[in-house]
Amino acid sequence: PSGNGLFRHDGIQIRTCTALKGRCFFGCRAGWTWV
């Protein structure tokens, strides 16, 4: 799950990140802020 991966997807849901209303990636996509 990277910002520009081979397959399009919405990142990984991990409990600590979803509590911050975010998603986990290998580097943030354009339009996303690192938390």
PDB file of all heavy atoms in Angstrom:
ATOM      1  N   PRO A   1       0.798  -1.230   0.000  1.00  0.00           N
ATOM      2  CA  PRO A   1       0.000   0.000   0.000  1.00  0.00           C
ATOM      3  C   PRO A   1       0.826   1.272   0.000  1.00  0.00           C
ATOM      4  O   PRO A   1       1.042   1.896   1.013  1.00  0.00           O
ATOM      5  CB  PRO A   1      -0.814  -0.115   1.286  1.00  0.00           C
ATOM      6  CG  PRO A   1       0.023  -0.953   2.158  1.00  0.00           C
ATOM      7  CD  PRO A   1       0.703  -1.937   1.268  1.00  0.00           C
ATOM      8  N   SER A   2       1.314   1.670  -1.143  1.00  0.00           N
ATOM      9  CA  SER A   2       2.044   2.926  -1.251  1.00  0.00           C
ATOM     10  C   SER A   2       1.167   3.949  -1.950  1.00  0.00           C
ATOM     11  O   SER A   2       0.104   3.637  -2.459  1.00  0.00           O
ATOM     12  CB  SER A   2       3.341   2.720  -2.025  1.00  0.00           C
ATOM     13  OG  SER A   2       3.052   2.314  -3.338  1.00  0.00           O
ATOM     14  N   GLY A   3       1.642   5.166  -2.004  1.00  0.00           N
ATOM     15  CA  GLY A   3       0.867   6.201  -2.650  1.00  0.00           C
ATOM     16  C   GLY A   3       0.671   5.959  -4.127  1.00  0.00           C
ATOM     17  O   GLY A   3      -0.377   6.221  -4.680  1.00  0.00           O
ATOM     18  N   ASN A   4       1.685   5.439  -4.803  1.00  0.00           N
ATOM     19  CA  ASN A   4       1.611   5.177  -6.234  1.00  0.00           C
ATOM     20  C   ASN A   4       1.943   3.719  -6.505  1.00  0.00           C
ATOM     21  O   ASN A   4       2.861   3.407  -7.232  1.00  0.00           O
ATOM     22  CB  ASN A   4       2.581   6.074  -6.997  1.00  0.00           C
ATOM     23  CG  ASN A   4       2.243   7.522  -6.827  1.00  0.00           C
ATOM     24  OD1 ASN A   4       1.086   7.885  -6.872  1.00  0.00           O
ATOM     25  ND2 ASN A   4       3.237   8.352  -6.622  1.00  0.00           N
ATOM     26  N   GLY A   5       1.219   2.801  -5.913  1.00  0.00           N
ATOM     27  CA  GLY A   5       1.497   1.379  -6.048  1.00  0.00           C
ATOM     28  C   GLY A   5       1.010   0.828  -7.373  1.00  0.00           C
ATOM     29  O   GLY A   5       0.432   1.523  -8.208  1.00  0.00           O
ATOM     30  N   LEU A   6       1.247  -0.453  -7.574  1.00  0.00           N
ATOM     31  CA  LEU A   6       0.823  -1.118  -8.790  1.00  0.00           C
ATOM     32  C   LEU A   6      -0.699  -1.224  -8.853  1.00  0.00           C
ATOM     33  O   LEU A   6      -1.304  -1.045  -9.895  1.00  0.00           O
ATOM     34  CB  LEU A   6       1.457  -2.510  -8.841  1.00  0.00           C
ATOM     35  CG  LEU A   6       1.139  -3.377 -10.039  1.00  0.00           C
ATOM     36  CD1 LEU A   6       1.685  -2.724 -11.303  1.00  0.00           C
ATOM     37  CD2 LEU A   6       1.746  -4.750  -9.863  1.00  0.00           C
ATOM     38  N   PHE A   7      -1.322  -1.504  -7.719  1.00  0.00           N
ATOM     39  CA  PHE A   7      -2.774  -1.625  -7.646  1.00  0.00           C
ATOM     40  C   PHE A   7      -3.327  -0.477  -6.817  1.00  0.00           C
ATOM     41  O   PHE A   7      -2.776  -0.113  -5.805  1.00  0.00           O
ATOM     42  CB  PHE A   7      -3.166  -2.953  -6.984  1.00  0.00           C
ATOM     43  CG  PHE A   7      -2.552  -4.136  -7.663  1.00  0.00           C
ATOM     44  CD1 PHE A   7      -1.522  -4.836  -7.065  1.00  0.00           C
ATOM     45  CD2 PHE A   7      -2.993  -4.536  -8.903  1.00  0.00           C
ATOM     46  CE1 PHE A   7      -0.955  -5.916  -7.681  1.00  0.00           C
ATOM     47  CE2 PHE A   7      -2.419  -5.618  -9.535  1.00  0.00           C
ATOM     48  CZ  PHE A   7      -1.401  -6.309  -8.929  1.00  0.00           C
ATOM     49  N   ARG A   8      -4.451   0.078  -7.239  1.00  0.00           N
ATOM     50  CA  ARG A   8      -5.053   1.197  -6.501  1.00  0.00           C
ATOM     51  C   ARG A   8      -5.841   0.672  -5.304  1.00  0.00           C
ATOM     52  O   ARG A   8      -6.643  -0.230  -5.423  1.00  0.00           O
ATOM     53  CB  ARG A   8      -5.990   1.977  -7.413  1.00  0.00           C
ATOM     54  CG  ARG A   8      -6.582   3.167  -6.731  1.00  0.00           C
ATOM     55  CD  ARG A   8      -7.349   4.018  -7.720  1.00  0.00           C
ATOM     56  NE  ARG A   8      -8.092   5.014  -7.037  1.00  0.00           N
ATOM     57  CZ  ARG A   8      -7.630   6.234  -6.778  1.00  0.00           C
ATOM     58  NH1 ARG A   8      -6.440   6.555  -7.160  1.00  0.00           N
ATOM     59  NH2 ARG A   8      -8.378   7.112  -6.151  1.00  0.00           N
ATOM     60  N   HIS A   9      -5.586   1.222  -4.131  1.00  0.00           N
ATOM     61  CA  HIS A   9      -6.314   0.867  -2.922  1.00  0.00           C
ATOM     62  C   HIS A   9      -6.249   2.024  -1.944  1.00  0.00           C
ATOM     63  O   HIS A   9      -5.564   3.016  -2.182  1.00  0.00           O
ATOM     64  CB  HIS A   9      -5.778  -0.421  -2.290  1.00  0.00           C
ATOM     65  CG  HIS A   9      -4.302  -0.485  -2.219  1.00  0.00           C
ATOM     66  ND1 HIS A   9      -3.567   0.250  -1.350  1.00  0.00           N
ATOM     67  CD2 HIS A   9      -3.427  -1.188  -2.961  1.00  0.00           C
ATOM     68  CE1 HIS A   9      -2.285   0.000  -1.547  1.00  0.00           C
ATOM     69  NE2 HIS A   9      -2.183  -0.853  -2.514  1.00  0.00           N
ATOM     70  N   ASP A  10      -6.956   1.896  -0.855  1.00  0.00           N
ATOM     71  CA  ASP A  10      -7.109   2.995   0.094  1.00  0.00           C
ATOM     72  C   ASP A  10      -6.265   2.844   1.343  1.00  0.00           C
ATOM     73  O   ASP A  10      -6.581   3.407   2.376  1.00  0.00           O
ATOM     74  CB  ASP A  10      -8.583   3.136   0.487  1.00  0.00           C
ATOM     75  CG  ASP A  10      -9.439   3.541  -0.689  1.00  0.00           C
ATOM     76  OD1 ASP A  10      -8.940   4.253  -1.571  1.00  0.00           O
ATOM     77  OD2 ASP A  10     -10.598   3.135  -0.731  1.00  0.00           O
ATOM     78  N   GLY A  11      -5.194   2.081   1.290  1.00  0.00           N
ATOM     79  CA  GLY A  11      -4.320   1.947   2.448  1.00  0.00           C
ATOM     80  C   GLY A  11      -4.784   0.850   3.390  1.00  0.00           C
ATOM     81  O   GLY A  11      -5.745   0.135   3.137  1.00  0.00           O
ATOM     82  N   ILE A  12      -4.060   0.714   4.478  1.00  0.00           N
ATOM     83  CA  ILE A  12      -4.333  -0.326   5.456  1.00  0.00           C
ATOM     84  C   ILE A  12      -5.002   0.292   6.676  1.00  0.00           C
ATOM     85  O   ILE A  12      -4.632   1.378   7.105  1.00  0.00           O
ATOM     86  CB  ILE A  12      -3.019  -0.996   5.894  1.00  0.00           C
ATOM     87  CG1 ILE A  12      -2.373  -1.676   4.694  1.00  0.00           C
ATOM     88  CG2 ILE A  12      -3.244  -1.996   6.989  1.00  0.00           C
ATOM     89  CD1 ILE A  12      -1.018  -2.225   4.992  1.00  0.00           C
ATOM     90  N   GLN A  13      -5.985  -0.405   7.229  1.00  0.00           N
ATOM     91  CA  GLN A  13      -6.636   0.058   8.440  1.00  0.00           C
ATOM     92  C   GLN A  13      -5.956  -0.574   9.645  1.00  0.00           C
ATOM     93  O   GLN A  13      -6.020  -1.785   9.817  1.00  0.00           O
ATOM     94  CB  GLN A  13      -8.106  -0.317   8.435  1.00  0.00           C
ATOM     95  CG  GLN A  13      -8.913   0.383   7.392  1.00  0.00           C
ATOM     96  CD  GLN A  13     -10.365  -0.045   7.460  1.00  0.00           C
ATOM     97  OE1 GLN A  13     -10.742  -0.934   8.200  1.00  0.00           O
ATOM     98  NE2 GLN A  13     -11.186   0.605   6.654  1.00  0.00           N
ATOM     99  N   ILE A  14      -5.286   0.243  10.435  1.00  0.00           N
ATOM    100  CA  ILE A  14      -4.689  -0.193  11.696  1.00  0.00           C
ATOM    101  C   ILE A  14      -5.341   0.621  12.795  1.00  0.00           C
ATOM    102  O   ILE A  14      -5.546   1.824  12.653  1.00  0.00           O
ATOM    103  CB  ILE A  14      -3.154  -0.010  11.674  1.00  0.00           C
ATOM    104  CG1 ILE A  14      -2.557  -0.931  10.608  1.00  0.00           C
ATOM    105  CG2 ILE A  14      -2.552  -0.301  13.037  1.00  0.00           C
ATOM    106  CD1 ILE A  14      -1.075  -0.825  10.446  1.00  0.00           C
ATOM    107  N   ARG A  15      -5.683  -0.028  13.885  1.00  0.00           N
ATOM    108  CA  ARG A  15      -6.505   0.574  14.937  1.00  0.00           C
ATOM    109  C   ARG A  15      -5.962   1.926  15.412  1.00  0.00           C
ATOM    110  O   ARG A  15      -6.718   2.877  15.580  1.00  0.00           O
ATOM    111  CB  ARG A  15      -6.617  -0.384  16.108  1.00  0.00           C
ATOM    112  CG  ARG A  15      -7.600   0.086  17.154  1.00  0.00           C
ATOM    113  CD  ARG A  15      -7.691  -0.857  18.327  1.00  0.00           C
ATOM    114  NE  ARG A  15      -7.707  -2.247  17.896  1.00  0.00           N
ATOM    115  CZ  ARG A  15      -7.322  -3.247  18.650  1.00  0.00           C
ATOM    116  NH1 ARG A  15      -6.883  -3.043  19.861  1.00  0.00           N
ATOM    117  NH2 ARG A  15      -7.378  -4.477  18.201  1.00  0.00           N
ATOM    118  N   THR A  16      -4.651   2.022  15.628  1.00  0.00           N
ATOM    119  CA  THR A  16      -4.101   3.286  16.136  1.00  0.00           C
ATOM    120  C   THR A  16      -4.217   4.407  15.116  1.00  0.00           C
ATOM    121  O   THR A  16      -4.376   5.564  15.481  1.00  0.00           O
ATOM    122  CB  THR A  16      -2.626   3.110  16.526  1.00  0.00           C
ATOM    123  OG1 THR A  16      -1.898   2.625  15.402  1.00  0.00           O
ATOM    124  CG2 THR A  16      -2.486   2.158  17.684  1.00  0.00           C
ATOM    125  N   CYS A  17      -4.154   4.070  13.849  1.00  0.00           N
ATOM    126  CA  CYS A  17      -4.265   5.090  12.809  1.00  0.00           C
ATOM    127  C   CYS A  17      -5.726   5.446  12.534  1.00  0.00           C
ATOM    128  O   CYS A  17      -6.043   6.602  12.302  1.00  0.00           O
ATOM    129  CB  CYS A  17      -3.585   4.602  11.537  1.00  0.00           C
ATOM    130  SG  CYS A  17      -3.427   5.859  10.269  1.00  0.00           S
ATOM    131  N   THR A  18      -6.619   4.467  12.565  1.00  0.00           N
ATOM    132  CA  THR A  18      -8.025   4.771  12.330  1.00  0.00           C
ATOM    133  C   THR A  18      -8.610   5.582  13.487  1.00  0.00           C
ATOM    134  O   THR A  18      -9.594   6.298  13.296  1.00  0.00           O
ATOM    135  CB  THR A  18      -8.861   3.496  12.111  1.00  0.00           C
ATOM    136  OG1 THR A  18      -8.642   2.610  13.195  1.00  0.00           O
ATOM    137  CG2 THR A  18      -8.490   2.823  10.813  1.00  0.00           C
ATOM    138  N   ALA A  19      -8.008   5.495  14.666  1.00  0.00           N
ATOM    139  CA  ALA A  19      -8.446   6.347  15.773  1.00  0.00           C
ATOM    140  C   ALA A  19      -8.142   7.811  15.465  1.00  0.00           C
ATOM    141  O   ALA A  19      -8.840   8.708  15.934  1.00  0.00           O
ATOM    142  CB  ALA A  19      -7.755   5.940  17.065  1.00  0.00           C
ATOM    143  N   LEU A  20      -7.115   8.051  14.656  1.00  0.00           N
ATOM    144  CA  LEU A  20      -6.779   9.407  14.212  1.00  0.00           C
ATOM    145  C   LEU A  20      -7.484   9.767  12.910  1.00  0.00           C
ATOM    146  O   LEU A  20      -7.208  10.797  12.299  1.00  0.00           O
ATOM    147  CB  LEU A  20      -5.261   9.525  14.013  1.00  0.00           C
ATOM    148  CG  LEU A  20      -4.411   9.295  15.255  1.00  0.00           C
ATOM    149  CD1 LEU A  20      -2.944   9.219  14.870  1.00  0.00           C
ATOM    150  CD2 LEU A  20      -4.633  10.417  16.250  1.00  0.00           C
ATOM    151  N   LYS A  21      -8.386   8.895  12.445  1.00  0.00           N
ATOM    152  CA  LYS A  21      -9.136   9.057  11.192  1.00  0.00           C
ATOM    153  C   LYS A  21      -8.200   9.087   9.989  1.00  0.00           C
ATOM    154  O   LYS A  21      -8.338   9.921   9.101  1.00  0.00           O
ATOM    155  CB  LYS A  21     -10.017  10.296  11.239  1.00  0.00           C
ATOM    156  CG  LYS A  21     -11.059  10.213  12.313  1.00  0.00           C
ATOM    157  CD  LYS A  21     -11.936  11.434  12.339  1.00  0.00           C
ATOM    158  CE  LYS A  21     -12.936  11.275  13.475  1.00  0.00           C
ATOM    159  NZ  LYS A  21     -13.688  12.467  13.712  1.00  0.00           N
ATOM    160  N   GLY A  22      -7.238   8.164   9.981  1.00  0.00           N
ATOM    161  CA  GLY A  22      -6.285   8.085   8.890  1.00  0.00           C
ATOM    162  C   GLY A  22      -6.144   6.672   8.348  1.00  0.00           C
ATOM    163  O   GLY A  22      -6.838   5.754   8.772  1.00  0.00           O
ATOM    164  N   ARG A  23      -5.229   6.508   7.400  1.00  0.00           N
ATOM    165  CA  ARG A  23      -4.903   5.223   6.793  1.00  0.00           C
ATOM    166  C   ARG A  23      -3.391   5.082   6.756  1.00  0.00           C
ATOM    167  O   ARG A  23      -2.664   6.062   6.747  1.00  0.00           O
ATOM    168  CB  ARG A  23      -5.432   5.140   5.363  1.00  0.00           C
ATOM    169  CG  ARG A  23      -6.928   5.172   5.246  1.00  0.00           C
ATOM    170  CD  ARG A  23      -7.513   3.853   5.711  1.00  0.00           C
ATOM    171  NE  ARG A  23      -8.950   3.860   5.639  1.00  0.00           N
ATOM    172  CZ  ARG A  23      -9.637   3.077   4.846  1.00  0.00           C
ATOM    173  NH1 ARG A  23      -9.046   2.231   4.055  1.00  0.00           N
ATOM    174  NH2 ARG A  23     -10.943   3.136   4.849  1.00  0.00           N
ATOM    175  N   CYS A  24      -2.905   3.846   6.677  1.00  0.00           N
ATOM    176  CA  CYS A  24      -1.466   3.572   6.670  1.00  0.00           C
ATOM    177  C   CYS A  24      -0.985   3.282   5.251  1.00  0.00           C
ATOM    178  O   CYS A  24      -1.578   2.470   4.545  1.00  0.00           O
ATOM    179  CB  CYS A  24      -1.146   2.399   7.579  1.00  0.00           C
ATOM    180  SG  CYS A  24      -1.467   2.754   9.308  1.00  0.00           S
ATOM    181  N   PHE A  25       0.089   3.933   4.852  1.00  0.00           N
ATOM    182  CA  PHE A  25       0.709   3.777   3.536  1.00  0.00           C
ATOM    183  C   PHE A  25       2.223   3.724   3.704  1.00  0.00           C
ATOM    184  O   PHE A  25       2.755   4.075   4.743  1.00  0.00           O
ATOM    185  CB  PHE A  25       0.399   4.972   2.626  1.00  0.00           C
ATOM    186  CG  PHE A  25      -1.047   5.173   2.308  1.00  0.00           C
ATOM    187  CD1 PHE A  25      -1.795   6.099   3.008  1.00  0.00           C
ATOM    188  CD2 PHE A  25      -1.655   4.459   1.300  1.00  0.00           C
ATOM    189  CE1 PHE A  25      -3.125   6.314   2.710  1.00  0.00           C
ATOM    190  CE2 PHE A  25      -2.979   4.665   0.987  1.00  0.00           C
ATOM    191  CZ  PHE A  25      -3.716   5.593   1.695  1.00  0.00           C
ATOM    192  N   PHE A  26       2.939   3.339   2.640  1.00  0.00           N
ATOM    193  CA  PHE A  26       4.388   3.527   2.569  1.00  0.00           C
ATOM    194  C   PHE A  26       4.605   4.917   1.984  1.00  0.00           C
ATOM    195  O   PHE A  26       4.788   5.086   0.790  1.00  0.00           O
ATOM    196  CB  PHE A  26       5.040   2.483   1.660  1.00  0.00           C
ATOM    197  CG  PHE A  26       5.292   1.193   2.329  1.00  0.00           C
ATOM    198  CD1 PHE A  26       4.604   0.063   1.961  1.00  0.00           C
ATOM    199  CD2 PHE A  26       6.232   1.092   3.340  1.00  0.00           C
ATOM    200  CE1 PHE A  26       4.834  -1.144   2.573  1.00  0.00           C
ATOM    201  CE2 PHE A  26       6.470  -0.110   3.969  1.00  0.00           C
ATOM    202  CZ  PHE A  26       5.767  -1.234   3.580  1.00  0.00           C
ATOM    203  N   GLY A  27       4.563   5.938   2.808  1.00  0.00           N
ATOM    204  CA  GLY A  27       4.657   7.317   2.332  1.00  0.00           C
ATOM    205  C   GLY A  27       3.277   7.845   2.004  1.00  0.00           C
ATOM    206  O   GLY A  27       2.421   7.109   1.520  1.00  0.00           O
ATOM    207  N   CYS A  28       3.043   9.099   2.275  1.00  0.00           N
ATOM    208  CA  CYS A  28       1.713   9.684   2.068  1.00  0.00           C
ATOM    209  C   CYS A  28       1.485  10.041   0.606  1.00  0.00           C
ATOM    210  O   CYS A  28       2.391  10.477  -0.089  1.00  0.00           O
ATOM    211  CB  CYS A  28       1.548  10.928   2.940  1.00  0.00           C
ATOM    212  SG  CYS A  28       1.566  10.577   4.698  1.00  0.00           S
ATOM    213  N   ARG A  29       0.268   9.869   0.160  1.00  0.00           N
ATOM    214  CA  ARG A  29      -0.138  10.274  -1.182  1.00  0.00           C
ATOM    215  C   ARG A  29      -0.236  11.792  -1.260  1.00  0.00           C
ATOM    216  O   ARG A  29      -0.264  12.478  -0.245  1.00  0.00           O
ATOM    217  CB  ARG A  29      -1.511   9.716  -1.502  1.00  0.00           C
ATOM    218  CG  ARG A  29      -1.636   8.260  -1.536  1.00  0.00           C
ATOM    219  CD  ARG A  29      -3.092   7.933  -1.640  1.00  0.00           C
ATOM    220  NE  ARG A  29      -3.324   6.686  -2.325  1.00  0.00           N
ATOM    221  CZ  ARG A  29      -4.506   6.257  -2.668  1.00  0.00           C
ATOM    222  NH1 ARG A  29      -5.558   6.979  -2.393  1.00  0.00           N
ATOM    223  NH2 ARG A  29      -4.645   5.109  -3.271  1.00  0.00           N
ATOM    224  N   ALA A  30      -0.391  12.303  -2.474  1.00  0.00           N
ATOM    225  CA  ALA A  30      -0.655  13.727  -2.656  1.00  0.00           C
ATOM    226  C   ALA A  30      -2.046  14.025  -2.102  1.00  0.00           C
ATOM    227  O   ALA A  30      -3.002  13.300  -2.376  1.00  0.00           O
ATOM    228  CB  ALA A  30      -0.585  14.095  -4.131  1.00  0.00           C
ATOM    229  N   GLY A  31      -2.160  15.048  -1.297  1.00  0.00           N
ATOM    230  CA  GLY A  31      -3.435  15.396  -0.693  1.00  0.00           C
ATOM    231  C   GLY A  31      -3.653  14.774   0.673  1.00  0.00           C
ATOM    232  O   GLY A  31      -4.718  14.902   1.243  1.00  0.00           O
ATOM    233  N   TRP A  32      -2.645  14.083   1.192  1.00  0.00           N
ATOM    234  CA  TRP A  32      -2.704  13.478   2.516  1.00  0.00           C
ATOM    235  C   TRP A  32      -1.598  14.076   3.374  1.00  0.00           C
ATOM    236  O   TRP A  32      -0.536  14.412   2.891  1.00  0.00           O
ATOM    237  CB  TRP A  32      -2.519  11.963   2.426  1.00  0.00           C
ATOM    238  CG  TRP A  32      -3.658  11.248   1.768  1.00  0.00           C
ATOM    239  CD1 TRP A  32      -4.012  11.308   0.455  1.00  0.00           C
ATOM    240  CD2 TRP A  32      -4.589  10.375   2.386  1.00  0.00           C
ATOM    241  NE1 TRP A  32      -5.103  10.521   0.216  1.00  0.00           N
ATOM    242  CE2 TRP A  32      -5.471   9.931   1.381  1.00  0.00           C
ATOM    243  CE3 TRP A  32      -4.754   9.916   3.679  1.00  0.00           C
ATOM    244  CZ2 TRP A  32      -6.515   9.058   1.643  1.00  0.00           C
ATOM    245  CZ3 TRP A  32      -5.785   9.030   3.929  1.00  0.00           C
ATOM    246  CH2 TRP A  32      -6.663   8.621   2.928  1.00  0.00           C
ATOM    247  N   THR A  33      -1.823  14.194   4.675  1.00  0.00           N
ATOM    248  CA  THR A  33      -0.853  14.753   5.614  1.00  0.00           C
ATOM    249  C   THR A  33      -0.350  13.658   6.545  1.00  0.00           C
ATOM    250  O   THR A  33      -1.142  12.872   7.054  1.00  0.00           O
ATOM    251  CB  THR A  33      -1.510  15.865   6.460  1.00  0.00           C
ATOM    252  OG1 THR A  33      -2.059  16.841   5.572  1.00  0.00           O
ATOM    253  CG2 THR A  33      -0.499  16.529   7.368  1.00  0.00           C
ATOM    254  N   TRP A  34       0.980  13.631   6.761  1.00  0.00           N
ATOM    255  CA  TRP A  34       1.582  12.638   7.644  1.00  0.00           C
ATOM    256  C   TRP A  34       1.233  12.968   9.085  1.00  0.00           C
ATOM    257  O   TRP A  34       1.322  14.117   9.513  1.00  0.00           O
ATOM    258  CB  TRP A  34       3.098  12.634   7.465  1.00  0.00           C
ATOM    259  CG  TRP A  34       3.783  11.557   8.226  1.00  0.00           C
ATOM    260  CD1 TRP A  34       4.006  10.292   7.807  1.00  0.00           C
ATOM    261  CD2 TRP A  34       4.322  11.652   9.550  1.00  0.00           C
ATOM    262  NE1 TRP A  34       4.658   9.577   8.778  1.00  0.00           N
ATOM    263  CE2 TRP A  34       4.873  10.382   9.862  1.00  0.00           C
ATOM    264  CE3 TRP A  34       4.406  12.645  10.504  1.00  0.00           C
ATOM    265  CZ2 TRP A  34       5.482  10.115  11.077  1.00  0.00           C
ATOM    266  CZ3 TRP A  34       5.011  12.382  11.708  1.00  0.00           C
ATOM    267  CH2 TRP A  34       5.547  11.125  11.989  1.00  0.00           C
ATOM    268  N   VAL A  35       0.843  11.949   9.876  1.00  0.00           N
ATOM    269  CA  VAL A  35       0.462  12.141  11.271  1.00  0.00           C
ATOM    270  C   VAL A  35       1.402  11.385  12.204  1.00  0.00           C
ATOM    271  O   VAL A  35       1.911  11.946  13.162  1.00  0.00           O
ATOM    272  CB  VAL A  35      -0.998  11.682  11.515  1.00  0.00           C
ATOM    273  CG1 VAL A  35      -1.376  11.834  12.967  1.00  0.00           C
ATOM    274  CG2 VAL A  35      -1.948  12.449  10.635  1.00  0.00           C
TER     275      VAL A  35
END
